[in-house]
Amino acid sequence: DAAPQETLFVVAFSPRRPPRPLYAGPVRAPLGNRRQPPGLAALEGGRVAVASTGAEGHVRVRRLGLDGRVEAPAQVDDARADRRFAPALAPRGTSLFVAYVGTPSREGPTPDAPRLRLVRLDARQQVSDRQNPAPSGMGGVAPRFLGEELAFVESREAVSALLLATVDPDAVGAVLTPLSNVYDPVAIALARVKEHTLVGYTAVGQGARTAVGLVQVAGARASAPLPLVAGEGYGRLGVDVASGPAAALFVADAPRAEDADAPREVRAMLVQPGDARPAIGPRIALPFPGEDQRHAHVARHADGTYAVVASTPAGVVAHFLRCDDAGGSG
């Protein structure tokens, strides 16, 4: 058919080296802006894995070497994937776990529940295991890995649930914390700092405006939600996080005006866990080029450098940051 084409790029870069392309390949683009960026994970031996969803709804996974070698892609889905949610990847030994959201089922006791899927690829790129970690009668969306656990949201109109499941066979998710007034489709970002889990999520705030909330969970205790981005406008936002020794750096889209299609800016904020609730540092608008900046993602290097990338009118641009994440003072 005449579906439009996009190009998927995978690039390696650092503060001291220019960007180096690892892969460039075509992806059939869905109509409209209902897709999310690909999933990405670092593998042993200087390799990476990338998972993308095309217009036809299939999830394909490639393993790439930093030397330019590209393995044949594996198609992991047994149903059309929901392109509103990015696939999530996590390595475990020589296996690679892939989590994605299937389109809602029209059969069974909950016919409209999105079908969460967890698939294991072996070293030969063969699917060796499939499971649904959502409890019986529940759906699951917005998968994100947190170490060797998979986090996902069972989304409901008023109070949703954030669940965690191990990647062991037949594991079923358990509720970590309730989340109130989540945005549909929700985005989540989780970081574990010492004994605390910090959860950022997109929510519907006052006056039905979109916000980004923050909850701290420690054991059975969860703090009241705090705003990372207050309800300043309408439309979909994004959030991501990378953790340091004593704090985590969150990045989020923030609207420049109320309209749903208003331009965004990218804000970064260092969050330090506390006894009763987390402390949020200054919300800093990063100086990306152009008026509209969105889809921010962040990663932390072992030397303490954070890389924040975002889509801008000038292309995908990276900023490098240093934070006092050992003491958490910002």
Protein backbone atom coordinates (compact mmCIF):
# COMPACT_ATOMS: atom_id res chain seq x y z
CA ASP A 1 0.00 0.00 0.00
CA ALA A 2 0.96 3.66 0.01
CA ALA A 3 1.73 4.02 3.70
CA PRO A 4 4.34 6.74 4.27
CA GLN A 5 7.89 5.77 5.22
CA GLU A 6 10.05 7.05 8.04
CA THR A 7 13.65 6.22 8.86
CA LEU A 8 14.67 4.75 12.19
CA PHE A 9 18.12 5.97 13.28
CA VAL A 10 20.26 4.54 16.09
CA VAL A 11 23.22 6.78 16.97
CA ALA A 12 26.05 6.49 19.52
CA PHE A 13 27.43 9.71 21.01
CA SER A 14 29.23 11.11 24.04
CA PRO A 15 30.35 14.55 25.29
CA ARG A 16 33.78 13.96 23.76
CA ARG A 17 32.85 12.21 20.51
CA PRO A 18 30.62 13.28 17.62
CA PRO A 19 27.46 11.26 16.86
CA ARG A 20 28.19 7.98 15.11
CA PRO A 21 25.36 6.23 13.22
CA LEU A 22 24.87 2.56 14.12
CA TYR A 23 21.77 1.85 12.06
CA ALA A 24 19.37 3.52 9.64
CA GLY A 25 16.39 1.63 8.24
CA PRO A 26 12.87 2.27 6.94
CA VAL A 27 9.77 2.01 9.11
CA ARG A 28 6.26 2.22 7.76
CA ALA A 29 4.79 5.25 9.50
CA PRO A 30 1.26 5.20 10.95
CA LEU A 31 -1.11 7.96 9.98
CA GLY A 32 -1.33 10.76 12.52
CA ASN A 33 0.89 11.34 15.55
CA ARG A 34 -0.19 8.29 17.58
CA ARG A 35 3.18 6.55 17.73
CA GLN A 36 5.90 6.58 20.36
CA PRO A 37 9.69 6.40 20.01
CA PRO A 38 11.32 2.94 19.82
CA GLY A 39 12.44 1.02 22.88
CA LEU A 40 16.17 0.77 23.52
CA ALA A 41 18.39 -1.28 25.84
CA ALA A 42 22.15 -1.73 26.34
CA LEU A 43 23.43 -5.30 25.98
CA GLU A 44 26.66 -6.99 27.01
CA GLY A 45 29.63 -6.81 24.69
CA GLY A 46 29.07 -3.27 23.45
CA ARG A 47 25.76 -3.97 21.73
CA VAL A 48 22.30 -2.42 21.87
CA ALA A 49 18.78 -3.65 21.13
CA VAL A 50 16.06 -1.53 19.58
CA ALA A 51 12.33 -2.32 19.27
CA SER A 52 10.09 -0.41 16.86
CA THR A 53 6.41 -0.58 15.91
CA GLY A 54 5.40 0.08 12.30
CA ALA A 55 2.13 1.15 10.75
CA GLU A 56 0.95 -2.45 10.47
CA GLY A 57 1.25 -2.82 14.26
CA HIS A 58 4.09 -5.37 14.35
CA VAL A 59 6.88 -5.08 16.95
CA ARG A 60 10.32 -5.84 15.53
CA VAL A 61 13.52 -6.13 17.55
CA ARG A 62 17.06 -5.68 16.23
CA ARG A 63 20.37 -6.21 18.00
CA LEU A 64 23.14 -3.88 16.87
CA GLY A 65 26.87 -3.82 17.50
CA LEU A 66 28.82 -0.64 18.11
CA ASP A 67 31.05 -1.87 15.28
CA GLY A 68 28.14 -1.52 12.84
CA ARG A 69 27.01 -5.17 12.71
CA VAL A 70 23.22 -5.59 12.52
CA GLU A 71 21.44 -8.86 13.23
CA ALA A 72 18.28 -9.84 11.38
CA PRO A 73 15.16 -8.45 13.06
CA ALA A 74 12.78 -10.64 15.05
CA GLN A 75 9.03 -10.07 14.95
CA VAL A 76 7.80 -10.74 18.48
CA ASP A 77 4.09 -9.94 18.48
CA ASP A 78 1.16 -12.29 18.16
CA ALA A 79 -1.34 -9.44 17.78
CA ARG A 80 -1.39 -5.86 16.55
CA ALA A 81 0.48 -3.61 18.96
CA ASP A 82 -1.00 -0.39 20.31
CA ARG A 83 1.29 2.28 18.85
CA ARG A 84 0.39 4.78 21.60
CA PHE A 85 2.78 2.91 23.91
CA ALA A 86 6.46 2.29 23.23
CA PRO A 87 7.79 -1.26 23.55
CA ALA A 88 10.09 -1.81 26.55
CA LEU A 89 13.28 -3.89 26.53
CA ALA A 90 15.36 -5.52 29.27
CA PRO A 91 18.33 -7.93 28.89
CA ARG A 92 18.72 -10.91 31.20
CA GLY A 93 21.75 -13.06 30.49
CA THR A 94 21.69 -13.99 26.80
CA SER A 95 17.92 -13.43 26.66
CA LEU A 96 16.07 -10.24 25.88
CA PHE A 97 12.64 -9.47 27.33
CA VAL A 98 10.24 -7.37 25.26
CA ALA A 99 7.05 -5.87 26.70
CA TYR A 100 4.40 -4.29 24.52
CA VAL A 101 0.68 -3.48 24.55
CA GLY A 102 -1.62 -5.30 22.18
CA THR A 103 -4.80 -3.77 20.86
CA PRO A 104 -7.85 -4.41 23.09
CA SER A 105 -9.41 -7.84 22.89
CA ARG A 106 -13.00 -8.13 21.74
CA GLU A 107 -13.52 -11.40 23.57
CA GLY A 108 -13.51 -12.69 27.13
CA PRO A 109 -14.72 -11.23 30.46
CA THR A 110 -13.01 -7.86 29.88
CA PRO A 111 -13.36 -7.31 26.12
CA ASP A 112 -11.98 -3.76 26.12
CA ALA A 113 -8.90 -4.37 28.29
CA PRO A 114 -5.58 -3.72 26.50
CA ARG A 115 -3.54 -6.91 26.35
CA LEU A 116 -0.11 -6.58 27.93
CA ARG A 117 2.44 -8.98 26.45
CA LEU A 118 5.84 -10.04 27.78
CA VAL A 119 8.01 -11.99 25.31
CA ARG A 120 11.45 -13.52 25.76
CA LEU A 121 13.89 -13.67 22.85
CA ASP A 122 16.79 -16.08 23.10
CA ALA A 123 20.30 -15.42 21.76
CA ARG A 124 19.21 -16.62 18.29
CA GLN A 125 16.39 -14.06 18.15
CA GLN A 126 13.79 -16.82 18.58
CA VAL A 127 10.71 -16.32 20.77
CA SER A 128 11.07 -18.83 23.61
CA ASP A 129 8.34 -17.66 25.99
CA ARG A 130 5.19 -15.55 26.03
CA GLN A 131 3.19 -14.42 29.02
CA ASN A 132 0.62 -11.88 30.20
CA PRO A 133 1.78 -10.52 33.57
CA ALA A 134 -1.48 -8.63 34.21
CA PRO A 135 -3.71 -10.25 36.86
CA SER A 136 -6.79 -12.06 35.64
CA GLY A 137 -9.51 -9.67 34.52
CA MET A 138 -7.12 -6.71 34.28
CA GLY A 139 -5.39 -5.03 31.37
CA GLY A 140 -2.03 -3.31 31.27
CA VAL A 141 -0.49 -0.36 29.43
CA ALA A 142 2.66 1.80 29.43
CA PRO A 143 5.21 -0.98 30.19
CA ARG A 144 8.55 0.11 31.65
CA PHE A 145 11.30 -2.07 33.11
CA LEU A 146 12.73 -1.29 36.53
CA GLY A 147 15.75 -3.54 36.95
CA GLU A 148 14.45 -7.10 36.60
CA GLU A 149 10.84 -6.07 37.21
CA LEU A 150 8.23 -4.87 34.76
CA ALA A 151 6.03 -1.92 35.71
CA PHE A 152 2.73 -1.22 33.99
CA VAL A 153 -0.54 0.61 34.59
CA GLU A 154 -4.01 -0.85 34.87
CA SER A 155 -5.77 2.26 33.67
CA ARG A 156 -9.21 3.24 34.93
CA GLU A 157 -11.27 6.41 34.80
CA ALA A 158 -10.74 7.65 38.39
CA VAL A 159 -8.10 5.65 40.25
CA SER A 160 -5.68 3.45 38.30
CA ALA A 161 -3.10 1.01 39.64
CA LEU A 162 0.64 0.83 39.03
CA LEU A 163 1.76 -2.80 39.14
CA LEU A 164 5.13 -4.56 39.27
CA ALA A 165 5.85 -8.08 38.01
CA THR A 166 9.04 -10.09 37.82
CA VAL A 167 10.09 -11.48 34.45
CA ASP A 168 9.97 -15.06 35.71
CA PRO A 169 7.61 -17.44 33.88
CA ASP A 170 4.00 -17.30 35.11
CA ALA A 171 4.67 -14.26 37.29
CA VAL A 172 1.65 -12.02 37.89
CA GLY A 173 1.84 -8.35 38.72
CA ALA A 174 1.16 -6.98 42.20
CA VAL A 175 -0.06 -3.45 42.92
CA LEU A 176 2.76 -1.07 43.88
CA THR A 177 0.59 2.02 44.36
CA PRO A 178 -2.68 3.56 43.13
CA LEU A 179 -2.45 6.50 40.72
CA SER A 180 -5.25 9.03 40.54
CA ASN A 181 -6.57 10.74 37.40
CA VAL A 182 -4.03 9.35 34.95
CA TYR A 183 -3.98 10.80 31.45
CA ASP A 184 -5.11 8.53 28.62
CA PRO A 185 -2.79 7.34 27.12
CA VAL A 186 -0.62 7.49 30.24
CA ALA A 187 3.18 7.77 30.28
CA ILE A 188 5.21 6.61 33.29
CA ALA A 189 8.85 6.79 34.40
CA LEU A 190 10.28 4.95 37.40
CA ALA A 191 13.57 5.17 39.29
CA ARG A 192 14.78 3.24 42.32
CA VAL A 193 16.96 5.26 44.70
CA LYS A 194 18.07 3.25 47.72
CA GLU A 195 14.88 1.88 49.34
CA HIS A 196 12.58 4.32 47.54
CA THR A 197 10.81 4.05 44.19
CA LEU A 198 10.07 7.36 42.47
CA VAL A 199 7.18 7.30 39.98
CA GLY A 200 6.52 10.05 37.45
CA TYR A 201 3.28 9.84 35.46
CA THR A 202 1.09 11.97 33.23
CA ALA A 203 -2.20 12.97 34.83
CA VAL A 204 -5.27 15.11 34.39
CA GLY A 205 -5.03 18.08 36.73
CA GLN A 206 -7.23 20.98 37.69
CA GLY A 207 -9.59 22.13 34.94
CA ALA A 208 -8.83 18.95 32.95
CA ARG A 209 -5.38 20.30 32.11
CA THR A 210 -2.55 17.83 31.62
CA ALA A 211 0.08 17.56 34.34
CA VAL A 212 3.03 15.34 35.29
CA GLY A 213 2.76 13.96 38.82
CA LEU A 214 5.29 12.38 41.17
CA VAL A 215 4.71 9.73 43.84
CA GLN A 216 7.30 8.23 46.20
CA VAL A 217 6.82 4.62 47.30
CA ALA A 218 8.71 2.91 50.13
CA GLY A 219 7.39 -0.47 51.21
CA ALA A 220 3.65 -0.14 51.77
CA ARG A 221 3.83 3.67 52.11
CA ALA A 222 3.17 6.04 49.22
CA SER A 223 3.39 9.82 49.39
CA ALA A 224 0.67 12.16 48.20
CA PRO A 225 1.19 13.20 44.55
CA LEU A 226 3.37 16.24 43.86
CA PRO A 227 3.57 18.12 40.54
CA LEU A 228 6.67 17.82 38.39
CA VAL A 229 4.78 19.83 35.77
CA ALA A 230 1.66 21.65 36.96
CA GLY A 231 -1.51 21.67 34.90
CA GLU A 232 -0.62 24.47 32.50
CA GLY A 233 -2.27 23.32 29.28
CA TYR A 234 -3.95 20.50 27.41
CA GLY A 235 -2.73 17.60 25.30
CA ARG A 236 -0.30 14.74 25.70
CA LEU A 237 2.94 15.17 27.66
CA GLY A 238 5.93 12.90 28.23
CA VAL A 239 8.19 12.03 31.17
CA ASP A 240 11.43 10.08 31.63
CA VAL A 241 13.96 9.53 34.42
CA ALA A 242 17.48 8.30 35.15
CA SER A 243 18.68 7.52 38.67
CA GLY A 244 21.90 8.38 40.48
CA PRO A 245 23.27 7.24 43.84
CA ALA A 246 21.03 9.46 46.01
CA ALA A 247 18.68 11.26 43.60
CA ALA A 248 17.02 10.91 40.22
CA LEU A 249 16.86 13.31 37.27
CA PHE A 250 13.39 13.63 35.73
CA VAL A 251 12.77 15.29 32.37
CA ALA A 252 9.31 16.18 31.12
CA ASP A 253 7.50 18.06 28.38
CA ALA A 254 5.77 21.23 29.54
CA PRO A 255 3.32 23.29 27.47
CA ARG A 256 4.14 26.87 26.54
CA ALA A 257 0.42 27.73 26.24
CA GLU A 258 -2.97 26.19 27.05
CA ASP A 259 -3.87 24.82 23.62
CA ALA A 260 -3.50 21.06 23.12
CA ASP A 261 -1.28 21.64 20.08
CA ALA A 262 0.76 24.43 21.71
CA PRO A 263 4.58 24.14 21.51
CA ARG A 264 6.40 22.36 24.36
CA GLU A 265 9.59 23.00 26.28
CA VAL A 266 11.71 20.41 28.09
CA ARG A 267 12.20 20.81 31.84
CA ALA A 268 14.68 18.92 34.02
CA MET A 269 14.44 18.55 37.80
CA LEU A 270 16.50 16.62 40.34
CA VAL A 271 14.40 14.67 42.85
CA GLN A 272 15.73 13.42 46.17
CA PRO A 273 13.74 10.90 48.22
CA GLY A 274 12.67 11.93 51.72
CA ASP A 275 11.23 10.28 54.80
CA ALA A 276 7.64 11.34 54.09
CA ARG A 277 7.81 12.79 50.59
CA PRO A 278 10.42 13.59 47.92
CA ALA A 279 12.15 16.94 47.52
CA ILE A 280 11.96 18.42 44.02
CA GLY A 281 14.77 20.73 42.96
CA PRO A 282 14.47 23.72 40.61
CA ARG A 283 12.55 23.07 37.40
CA ILE A 284 15.02 24.08 34.71
CA ALA A 285 13.95 24.69 31.10
CA LEU A 286 16.74 23.27 28.96
CA PRO A 287 17.97 25.49 26.10
CA PHE A 288 17.03 23.28 23.17
CA PRO A 289 16.76 25.08 19.80
CA GLY A 290 13.42 26.16 18.37
CA GLU A 291 10.04 26.90 19.85
CA ASP A 292 8.71 23.33 20.05
CA GLN A 293 10.67 20.69 22.00
CA ARG A 294 9.22 17.37 23.10
CA HIS A 295 9.71 13.59 23.54
CA ALA A 296 12.55 14.14 26.03
CA HIS A 297 14.54 11.13 27.23
CA VAL A 298 17.44 10.90 29.67
CA ALA A 299 20.23 8.44 30.46
CA ARG A 300 23.07 8.49 32.99
CA HIS A 301 26.65 7.47 32.21
CA ALA A 302 28.75 5.70 34.84
CA ASP A 303 30.89 8.86 35.18
CA GLY A 304 27.84 10.81 36.39
CA THR A 305 27.07 12.65 33.14
CA TYR A 306 23.41 12.81 32.09
CA ALA A 307 22.43 12.98 28.43
CA VAL A 308 19.02 14.49 27.63
CA VAL A 309 17.74 14.17 24.07
CA ALA A 310 14.62 15.78 22.60
CA SER A 311 12.91 16.30 19.26
CA THR A 312 13.21 19.89 18.04
CA PRO A 313 12.63 21.77 14.76
CA ALA A 314 16.39 21.41 14.19
CA GLY A 315 16.24 17.62 14.62
CA VAL A 316 17.01 15.36 17.57
CA VAL A 317 19.35 17.31 19.86
CA ALA A 318 21.29 16.22 22.98
CA HIS A 319 22.27 18.19 26.07
CA PHE A 320 24.82 16.94 28.60
CA LEU A 321 24.29 17.77 32.29
CA ARG A 322 26.13 17.27 35.57
CA CYS A 323 24.10 17.06 38.78
CA ASP A 324 24.93 16.60 42.45
CA ASP A 325 23.03 13.32 42.54
CA ALA A 326 25.29 11.87 45.23
CA GLY A 327 24.18 14.44 47.77
CA GLY A 328 20.93 15.34 46.04
CA SER A 329 21.32 19.09 46.45
CA GLY A 330 20.88 19.86 42.70
